[in-house]
Amino acid sequence: SGGVAVAVAAVPEGLPLVATVAQMAAARRLSRRGVLVRTPRTLEALGRVDTMCFDKTGTLTENRLRLVRAATADGTVLAPDDER
């Protein structure tokens, strides 16, 4: 971090470049461990996370519920697009 401070102090315009390079390096390290990072800027938010919950398959969701299909007691399967 001392090198970053020197780089930013010497060339303040270089801060966006330093931040971008750091984000890309972090995304690359995570990808080697099997973590998909779609946009490096999400790493900023990830730095503030203290707890993550995964389902049994390791999937993360977007905190939005969506009904895909429902089964009734008599075995009928309904989907939201089904017309009644």
PDB file of N, CA and C in Angstrom:
ATOM      1  N   SER A   1       0.825  -1.194   0.000  1.00  0.00           N
ATOM      2  CA  SER A   1       0.000   0.000   0.000  1.00  0.00           C
ATOM      3  C   SER A   1       0.862   1.247   0.000  1.00  0.00           C
ATOM      4  N   GLY A   2       2.111   1.146   0.448  1.00  0.00           N
ATOM      5  CA  GLY A   2       3.010   2.291   0.412  1.00  0.00           C
ATOM      6  C   GLY A   2       3.306   2.723  -1.011  1.00  0.00           C
ATOM      7  N   GLY A   3       3.434   1.744  -1.906  1.00  0.00           N
ATOM      8  CA  GLY A   3       3.674   2.051  -3.313  1.00  0.00           C
ATOM      9  C   GLY A   3       2.501   2.764  -3.945  1.00  0.00           C
ATOM     10  N   VAL A   4       1.297   2.379  -3.559  1.00  0.00           N
ATOM     11  CA  VAL A   4       0.091   3.031  -4.072  1.00  0.00           C
ATOM     12  C   VAL A   4       0.056   4.475  -3.607  1.00  0.00           C
ATOM     13  N   ALA A   5       0.374   4.712  -2.334  1.00  0.00           N
ATOM     14  CA  ALA A   5       0.373   6.080  -1.797  1.00  0.00           C
ATOM     15  C   ALA A   5       1.371   6.951  -2.542  1.00  0.00           C
ATOM     16  N   VAL A   6       2.545   6.417  -2.817  1.00  0.00           N
ATOM     17  CA  VAL A   6       3.558   7.177  -3.549  1.00  0.00           C
ATOM     18  C   VAL A   6       3.084   7.466  -4.964  1.00  0.00           C
ATOM     19  N   ALA A   7       2.486   6.463  -5.620  1.00  0.00           N
ATOM     20  CA  ALA A   7       2.008   6.649  -6.989  1.00  0.00           C
ATOM     21  C   ALA A   7       0.915   7.707  -7.052  1.00  0.00           C
ATOM     22  N   VAL A   8      -0.004   7.680  -6.113  1.00  0.00           N
ATOM     23  CA  VAL A   8      -1.104   8.641  -6.110  1.00  0.00           C
ATOM     24  C   VAL A   8      -0.594  10.028  -5.739  1.00  0.00           C
ATOM     25  N   ALA A   9       0.338  10.111  -4.789  1.00  0.00           N
ATOM     26  CA  ALA A   9       0.889  11.414  -4.398  1.00  0.00           C
ATOM     27  C   ALA A   9       1.679  12.033  -5.546  1.00  0.00           C
ATOM     28  N   ALA A  10       2.413  11.212  -6.269  1.00  0.00           N
ATOM     29  CA  ALA A  10       3.228  11.715  -7.371  1.00  0.00           C
ATOM     30  C   ALA A  10       2.364  12.121  -8.560  1.00  0.00           C
ATOM     31  N   VAL A  11       1.355  11.329  -8.849  1.00  0.00           N
ATOM     32  CA  VAL A  11       0.491  11.592  -9.995  1.00  0.00           C
ATOM     33  C   VAL A  11      -0.956  11.351  -9.570  1.00  0.00           C
ATOM     34  N   PRO A  12      -1.652  12.357  -9.026  1.00  0.00           N
ATOM     35  CA  PRO A  12      -3.030  12.152  -8.562  1.00  0.00           C
ATOM     36  C   PRO A  12      -3.968  11.655  -9.663  1.00  0.00           C
ATOM     37  N   GLU A  13      -3.659  12.023 -10.900  1.00  0.00           N
ATOM     38  CA  GLU A  13      -4.497  11.564 -12.013  1.00  0.00           C
ATOM     39  C   GLU A  13      -4.378  10.057 -12.200  1.00  0.00           C
ATOM     40  N   GLY A  14      -3.351   9.463 -11.603  1.00  0.00           N
ATOM     41  CA  GLY A  14      -3.139   8.027 -11.741  1.00  0.00           C
ATOM     42  C   GLY A  14      -3.992   7.185 -10.820  1.00  0.00           C
ATOM     43  N   LEU A  15      -4.730   7.818  -9.897  1.00  0.00           N
ATOM     44  CA  LEU A  15      -5.551   7.058  -8.951  1.00  0.00           C
ATOM     45  C   LEU A  15      -6.561   6.147  -9.646  1.00  0.00           C
ATOM     46  N   PRO A  16      -7.313   6.627 -10.650  1.00  0.00           N
ATOM     47  CA  PRO A  16      -8.252   5.706 -11.309  1.00  0.00           C
ATOM     48  C   PRO A  16      -7.553   4.500 -11.933  1.00  0.00           C
ATOM     49  N   LEU A  17      -6.385   4.717 -12.501  1.00  0.00           N
ATOM     50  CA  LEU A  17      -5.637   3.607 -13.098  1.00  0.00           C
ATOM     51  C   LEU A  17      -5.186   2.622 -12.029  1.00  0.00           C
ATOM     52  N   VAL A  18      -4.682   3.131 -10.918  1.00  0.00           N
ATOM     53  CA  VAL A  18      -4.238   2.261  -9.823  1.00  0.00           C
ATOM     54  C   VAL A  18      -5.414   1.455  -9.286  1.00  0.00           C
ATOM     55  N   ALA A  19      -6.569   2.105  -9.119  1.00  0.00           N
ATOM     56  CA  ALA A  19      -7.756   1.409  -8.611  1.00  0.00           C
ATOM     57  C   ALA A  19      -8.210   0.327  -9.582  1.00  0.00           C
ATOM     58  N   THR A  20      -8.202   0.632 -10.869  1.00  0.00           N
ATOM     59  CA  THR A  20      -8.619  -0.341 -11.882  1.00  0.00           C
ATOM     60  C   THR A  20      -7.684  -1.544 -11.907  1.00  0.00           C
ATOM     61  N   VAL A  21      -6.400  -1.293 -11.847  1.00  0.00           N
ATOM     62  CA  VAL A  21      -5.421  -2.389 -11.850  1.00  0.00           C
ATOM     63  C   VAL A  21      -5.602  -3.256 -10.611  1.00  0.00           C
ATOM     64  N   ALA A  22      -5.846  -2.640  -9.459  1.00  0.00           N
ATOM     65  CA  ALA A  22      -6.056  -3.408  -8.223  1.00  0.00           C
ATOM     66  C   ALA A  22      -7.319  -4.259  -8.316  1.00  0.00           C
ATOM     67  N   GLN A  23      -8.387  -3.697  -8.890  1.00  0.00           N
ATOM     68  CA  GLN A  23      -9.634  -4.456  -9.043  1.00  0.00           C
ATOM     69  C   GLN A  23      -9.437  -5.640  -9.986  1.00  0.00           C
ATOM     70  N   MET A  24      -8.738  -5.415 -11.077  1.00  0.00           N
ATOM     71  CA  MET A  24      -8.498  -6.498 -12.036  1.00  0.00           C
ATOM     72  C   MET A  24      -7.636  -7.597 -11.415  1.00  0.00           C
ATOM     73  N   ALA A  25      -6.648  -7.219 -10.625  1.00  0.00           N
ATOM     74  CA  ALA A  25      -5.794  -8.214  -9.972  1.00  0.00           C
ATOM     75  C   ALA A  25      -6.604  -9.038  -8.976  1.00  0.00           C
ATOM     76  N   ALA A  26      -7.477  -8.382  -8.224  1.00  0.00           N
ATOM     77  CA  ALA A  26      -8.319  -9.106  -7.262  1.00  0.00           C
ATOM     78  C   ALA A  26      -9.281 -10.037  -7.985  1.00  0.00           C
ATOM     79  N   ALA A  27      -9.875  -9.579  -9.081  1.00  0.00           N
ATOM     80  CA  ALA A  27     -10.792 -10.421  -9.855  1.00  0.00           C
ATOM     81  C   ALA A  27     -10.063 -11.643 -10.408  1.00  0.00           C
ATOM     82  N   ARG A  28      -8.846 -11.452 -10.835  1.00  0.00           N
ATOM     83  CA  ARG A  28      -8.064 -12.575 -11.369  1.00  0.00           C
ATOM     84  C   ARG A  28      -7.755 -13.600 -10.278  1.00  0.00           C
ATOM     85  N   ARG A  29      -7.366 -13.118  -9.092  1.00  0.00           N
ATOM     86  CA  ARG A  29      -7.090 -14.041  -7.978  1.00  0.00           C
ATOM     87  C   ARG A  29      -8.344 -14.816  -7.596  1.00  0.00           C
ATOM     88  N   LEU A  30      -9.482 -14.138  -7.569  1.00  0.00           N
ATOM     89  CA  LEU A  30     -10.730 -14.826  -7.234  1.00  0.00           C
ATOM     90  C   LEU A  30     -11.099 -15.848  -8.302  1.00  0.00           C
ATOM     91  N   SER A  31     -10.891 -15.521  -9.571  1.00  0.00           N
ATOM     92  CA  SER A  31     -11.248 -16.459 -10.639  1.00  0.00           C
ATOM     93  C   SER A  31     -10.412 -17.732 -10.559  1.00  0.00           C
ATOM     94  N   ARG A  32      -9.192 -17.623 -10.086  1.00  0.00           N
ATOM     95  CA  ARG A  32      -8.361 -18.820  -9.903  1.00  0.00           C
ATOM     96  C   ARG A  32      -8.935 -19.734  -8.827  1.00  0.00           C
ATOM     97  N   ARG A  33      -9.744 -19.165  -7.945  1.00  0.00           N
ATOM     98  CA  ARG A  33     -10.377 -19.954  -6.873  1.00  0.00           C
ATOM     99  C   ARG A  33     -11.812 -20.334  -7.211  1.00  0.00           C
ATOM    100  N   GLY A  34     -12.211 -20.111  -8.464  1.00  0.00           N
ATOM    101  CA  GLY A  34     -13.536 -20.522  -8.905  1.00  0.00           C
ATOM    102  C   GLY A  34     -14.642 -19.510  -8.664  1.00  0.00           C
ATOM    103  N   VAL A  35     -14.281 -18.260  -8.371  1.00  0.00           N
ATOM    104  CA  VAL A  35     -15.284 -17.219  -8.132  1.00  0.00           C
ATOM    105  C   VAL A  35     -15.436 -16.397  -9.403  1.00  0.00           C
ATOM    106  N   LEU A  36     -16.671 -16.285  -9.890  1.00  0.00           N
ATOM    107  CA  LEU A  36     -16.939 -15.494 -11.086  1.00  0.00           C
ATOM    108  C   LEU A  36     -17.216 -14.052 -10.681  1.00  0.00           C
ATOM    109  N   VAL A  37     -16.394 -13.144 -11.162  1.00  0.00           N
ATOM    110  CA  VAL A  37     -16.595 -11.713 -10.916  1.00  0.00           C
ATOM    111  C   VAL A  37     -16.985 -11.094 -12.249  1.00  0.00           C
ATOM    112  N   ARG A  38     -18.243 -10.694 -12.369  1.00  0.00           N
ATOM    113  CA  ARG A  38     -18.710 -10.144 -13.648  1.00  0.00           C
ATOM    114  C   ARG A  38     -18.166  -8.749 -13.912  1.00  0.00           C
ATOM    115  N   THR A  39     -18.138  -7.911 -12.883  1.00  0.00           N
ATOM    116  CA  THR A  39     -17.573  -6.571 -13.042  1.00  0.00           C
ATOM    117  C   THR A  39     -16.633  -6.307 -11.871  1.00  0.00           C
ATOM    118  N   PRO A  40     -15.423  -5.912 -12.155  1.00  0.00           N
ATOM    119  CA  PRO A  40     -14.455  -5.678 -11.077  1.00  0.00           C
ATOM    120  C   PRO A  40     -14.925  -4.643 -10.051  1.00  0.00           C
ATOM    121  N   ARG A  41     -15.796  -3.719 -10.429  1.00  0.00           N
ATOM    122  CA  ARG A  41     -16.273  -2.706  -9.487  1.00  0.00           C
ATOM    123  C   ARG A  41     -17.095  -3.333  -8.362  1.00  0.00           C
ATOM    124  N   THR A  42     -17.649  -4.518  -8.572  1.00  0.00           N
ATOM    125  CA  THR A  42     -18.402  -5.173  -7.501  1.00  0.00           C
ATOM    126  C   THR A  42     -17.493  -5.579  -6.350  1.00  0.00           C
ATOM    127  N   LEU A  43     -16.206  -5.626  -6.601  1.00  0.00           N
ATOM    128  CA  LEU A  43     -15.264  -5.979  -5.539  1.00  0.00           C
ATOM    129  C   LEU A  43     -15.261  -4.932  -4.429  1.00  0.00           C
ATOM    130  N   GLU A  44     -15.579  -3.682  -4.768  1.00  0.00           N
ATOM    131  CA  GLU A  44     -15.663  -2.640  -3.740  1.00  0.00           C
ATOM    132  C   GLU A  44     -16.750  -2.995  -2.731  1.00  0.00           C
ATOM    133  N   ALA A  45     -17.905  -3.422  -3.231  1.00  0.00           N
ATOM    134  CA  ALA A  45     -19.008  -3.809  -2.345  1.00  0.00           C
ATOM    135  C   ALA A  45     -18.649  -5.079  -1.583  1.00  0.00           C
ATOM    136  N   LEU A  46     -17.971  -5.995  -2.237  1.00  0.00           N
ATOM    137  CA  LEU A  46     -17.598  -7.247  -1.593  1.00  0.00           C
ATOM    138  C   LEU A  46     -16.687  -7.006  -0.393  1.00  0.00           C
ATOM    139  N   GLY A  47     -15.912  -5.959  -0.434  1.00  0.00           N
ATOM    140  CA  GLY A  47     -15.028  -5.631   0.675  1.00  0.00           C
ATOM    141  C   GLY A  47     -15.770  -5.247   1.947  1.00  0.00           C
ATOM    142  N   ARG A  48     -17.038  -4.847   1.812  1.00  0.00           N
ATOM    143  CA  ARG A  48     -17.838  -4.462   2.979  1.00  0.00           C
ATOM    144  C   ARG A  48     -18.688  -5.612   3.518  1.00  0.00           C
ATOM    145  N   VAL A  49     -18.662  -6.750   2.873  1.00  0.00           N
ATOM    146  CA  VAL A  49     -19.485  -7.895   3.274  1.00  0.00           C
ATOM    147  C   VAL A  49     -18.849  -8.590   4.470  1.00  0.00           C
ATOM    148  N   ASP A  50     -19.687  -8.920   5.469  1.00  0.00           N
ATOM    149  CA  ASP A  50     -19.154  -9.679   6.601  1.00  0.00           C
ATOM    150  C   ASP A  50     -19.761 -11.071   6.695  1.00  0.00           C
ATOM    151  N   THR A  51     -20.866 -11.328   5.992  1.00  0.00           N
ATOM    152  CA  THR A  51     -21.501 -12.646   6.005  1.00  0.00           C
ATOM    153  C   THR A  51     -22.072 -12.942   4.622  1.00  0.00           C
ATOM    154  N   MET A  52     -21.853 -14.158   4.132  1.00  0.00           N
ATOM    155  CA  MET A  52     -22.456 -14.592   2.868  1.00  0.00           C
ATOM    156  C   MET A  52     -23.172 -15.905   3.109  1.00  0.00           C
ATOM    157  N   CYS A  53     -24.357 -16.039   2.545  1.00  0.00           N
ATOM    158  CA  CYS A  53     -25.133 -17.275   2.667  1.00  0.00           C
ATOM    159  C   CYS A  53     -25.334 -17.866   1.280  1.00  0.00           C
ATOM    160  N   PHE A  54     -25.028 -19.134   1.139  1.00  0.00           N
ATOM    161  CA  PHE A  54     -25.184 -19.845  -0.122  1.00  0.00           C
ATOM    162  C   PHE A  54     -26.219 -20.942   0.064  1.00  0.00           C
ATOM    163  N   ASP A  55     -26.869 -21.344  -1.034  1.00  0.00           N
ATOM    164  CA  ASP A  55     -27.741 -22.507  -0.930  1.00  0.00           C
ATOM    165  C   ASP A  55     -26.885 -23.764  -1.091  1.00  0.00           C
ATOM    166  N   LYS A  56     -27.520 -24.918  -1.103  1.00  0.00           N
ATOM    167  CA  LYS A  56     -26.754 -26.165  -1.113  1.00  0.00           C
ATOM    168  C   LYS A  56     -25.919 -26.359  -2.376  1.00  0.00           C
ATOM    169  N   THR A  57     -26.266 -25.656  -3.474  1.00  0.00           N
ATOM    170  CA  THR A  57     -25.482 -25.782  -4.703  1.00  0.00           C
ATOM    171  C   THR A  57     -24.410 -24.712  -4.816  1.00  0.00           C
ATOM    172  N   GLY A  58     -24.351 -23.803  -3.830  1.00  0.00           N
ATOM    173  CA  GLY A  58     -23.361 -22.737  -3.873  1.00  0.00           C
ATOM    174  C   GLY A  58     -23.802 -21.538  -4.685  1.00  0.00           C
ATOM    175  N   THR A  59     -25.096 -21.435  -4.953  1.00  0.00           N
ATOM    176  CA  THR A  59     -25.628 -20.357  -5.777  1.00  0.00           C
ATOM    177  C   THR A  59     -25.975 -19.137  -4.937  1.00  0.00           C
ATOM    178  N   LEU A  60     -25.667 -17.966  -5.449  1.00  0.00           N
ATOM    179  CA  LEU A  60     -26.107 -16.717  -4.832  1.00  0.00           C
ATOM    180  C   LEU A  60     -27.281 -16.177  -5.642  1.00  0.00           C
ATOM    181  N   THR A  61     -28.202 -15.510  -4.976  1.00  0.00           N
ATOM    182  CA  THR A  61     -29.364 -14.962  -5.671  1.00  0.00           C
ATOM    183  C   THR A  61     -29.336 -13.444  -5.620  1.00  0.00           C
ATOM    184  N   GLU A  62     -30.352 -12.831  -6.227  1.00  0.00           N
ATOM    185  CA  GLU A  62     -30.440 -11.375  -6.285  1.00  0.00           C
ATOM    186  C   GLU A  62     -31.489 -10.821  -5.337  1.00  0.00           C
ATOM    187  N   ASN A  63     -31.908 -11.578  -4.328  1.00  0.00           N
ATOM    188  CA  ASN A  63     -32.888 -11.126  -3.345  1.00  0.00           C
ATOM    189  C   ASN A  63     -34.226 -10.770  -3.984  1.00  0.00           C
ATOM    190  N   ARG A  64     -34.607 -11.488  -5.039  1.00  0.00           N
ATOM    191  CA  ARG A  64     -35.908 -11.306  -5.672  1.00  0.00           C
ATOM    192  C   ARG A  64     -36.549 -12.676  -5.817  1.00  0.00           C
ATOM    193  N   LEU A  65     -37.733 -12.820  -5.268  1.00  0.00           N
ATOM    194  CA  LEU A  65     -38.445 -14.084  -5.400  1.00  0.00           C
ATOM    195  C   LEU A  65     -39.173 -14.118  -6.738  1.00  0.00           C
ATOM    196  N   ARG A  66     -39.223 -15.314  -7.339  1.00  0.00           N
ATOM    197  CA  ARG A  66     -39.920 -15.479  -8.607  1.00  0.00           C
ATOM    198  C   ARG A  66     -40.505 -16.880  -8.614  1.00  0.00           C
ATOM    199  N   LEU A  67     -41.793 -16.976  -8.876  1.00  0.00           N
ATOM    200  CA  LEU A  67     -42.447 -18.276  -8.951  1.00  0.00           C
ATOM    201  C   LEU A  67     -42.191 -18.879 -10.325  1.00  0.00           C
ATOM    202  N   VAL A  68     -41.601 -20.061 -10.333  1.00  0.00           N
ATOM    203  CA  VAL A  68     -41.314 -20.740 -11.589  1.00  0.00           C
ATOM    204  C   VAL A  68     -42.436 -21.704 -11.923  1.00  0.00           C
ATOM    205  N   ARG A  69     -42.852 -22.493 -10.934  1.00  0.00           N
ATOM    206  CA  ARG A  69     -43.990 -23.403 -11.115  1.00  0.00           C
ATOM    207  C   ARG A  69     -44.473 -23.846  -9.742  1.00  0.00           C
ATOM    208  N   ALA A  70     -45.677 -24.321  -9.718  1.00  0.00           N
ATOM    209  CA  ALA A  70     -46.271 -24.810  -8.473  1.00  0.00           C
ATOM    210  C   ALA A  70     -47.000 -26.112  -8.766  1.00  0.00           C
ATOM    211  N   ALA A  71     -46.999 -27.003  -7.796  1.00  0.00           N
ATOM    212  CA  ALA A  71     -47.705 -28.279  -7.940  1.00  0.00           C
ATOM    213  C   ALA A  71     -48.824 -28.323  -6.911  1.00  0.00           C
ATOM    214  N   THR A  72     -50.003 -28.717  -7.360  1.00  0.00           N
ATOM    215  CA  THR A  72     -51.141 -28.831  -6.455  1.00  0.00           C
ATOM    216  C   THR A  72     -51.165 -30.222  -5.836  1.00  0.00           C
ATOM    217  N   ALA A  73     -52.053 -30.419  -4.859  1.00  0.00           N
ATOM    218  CA  ALA A  73     -52.152 -31.709  -4.167  1.00  0.00           C
ATOM    219  C   ALA A  73     -52.538 -32.839  -5.113  1.00  0.00           C
ATOM    220  N   ASP A  74     -53.301 -32.519  -6.167  1.00  0.00           N
ATOM    221  CA  ASP A  74     -53.708 -33.580  -7.099  1.00  0.00           C
ATOM    222  C   ASP A  74     -52.663 -33.845  -8.182  1.00  0.00           C
ATOM    223  N   GLY A  75     -51.507 -33.182  -8.099  1.00  0.00           N
ATOM    224  CA  GLY A  75     -50.420 -33.443  -9.041  1.00  0.00           C
ATOM    225  C   GLY A  75     -50.375 -32.500 -10.229  1.00  0.00           C
ATOM    226  N   THR A  76     -51.313 -31.560 -10.317  1.00  0.00           N
ATOM    227  CA  THR A  76     -51.305 -30.599 -11.411  1.00  0.00           C
ATOM    228  C   THR A  76     -50.139 -29.624 -11.222  1.00  0.00           C
ATOM    229  N   VAL A  77     -49.395 -29.414 -12.292  1.00  0.00           N
ATOM    230  CA  VAL A  77     -48.275 -28.475 -12.239  1.00  0.00           C
ATOM    231  C   VAL A  77     -48.680 -27.205 -12.970  1.00  0.00           C
ATOM    232  N   LEU A  78     -48.548 -26.081 -12.297  1.00  0.00           N
ATOM    233  CA  LEU A  78     -48.921 -24.792 -12.861  1.00  0.00           C
ATOM    234  C   LEU A  78     -47.689 -23.907 -12.978  1.00  0.00           C
ATOM    235  N   ALA A  79     -47.625 -23.152 -14.061  1.00  0.00           N
ATOM    236  CA  ALA A  79     -46.561 -22.165 -14.246  1.00  0.00           C
ATOM    237  C   ALA A  79     -47.216 -20.790 -14.310  1.00  0.00           C
ATOM    238  N   PRO A  80     -46.526 -19.717 -13.962  1.00  0.00           N
ATOM    239  CA  PRO A  80     -47.134 -18.386 -13.962  1.00  0.00           C
ATOM    240  C   PRO A  80     -47.729 -17.986 -15.304  1.00  0.00           C
ATOM    241  N   ASP A  81     -47.191 -18.496 -16.399  1.00  0.00           N
ATOM    242  CA  ASP A  81     -47.699 -18.122 -17.721  1.00  0.00           C
ATOM    243  C   ASP A  81     -48.895 -18.954 -18.158  1.00  0.00           C
ATOM    244  N   ASP A  82     -49.246 -19.999 -17.386  1.00  0.00           N
ATOM    245  CA  ASP A  82     -50.400 -20.832 -17.735  1.00  0.00           C
ATOM    246  C   ASP A  82     -51.676 -20.007 -17.649  1.00  0.00           C
ATOM    247  N   GLU A  83     -52.528 -20.170 -18.644  1.00  0.00           N
ATOM    248  CA  GLU A  83     -53.813 -19.472 -18.606  1.00  0.00           C
ATOM    249  C   GLU A  83     -54.835 -20.370 -17.959  1.00  0.00           C
ATOM    250  N   ARG A  84     -55.710 -19.791 -17.175  1.00  0.00           N
ATOM    251  CA  ARG A  84     -56.750 -20.567 -16.495  1.00  0.00           C
ATOM    252  C   ARG A  84     -58.075 -20.158 -17.020  1.00  0.00           C
TER     253      ARG A  84
END
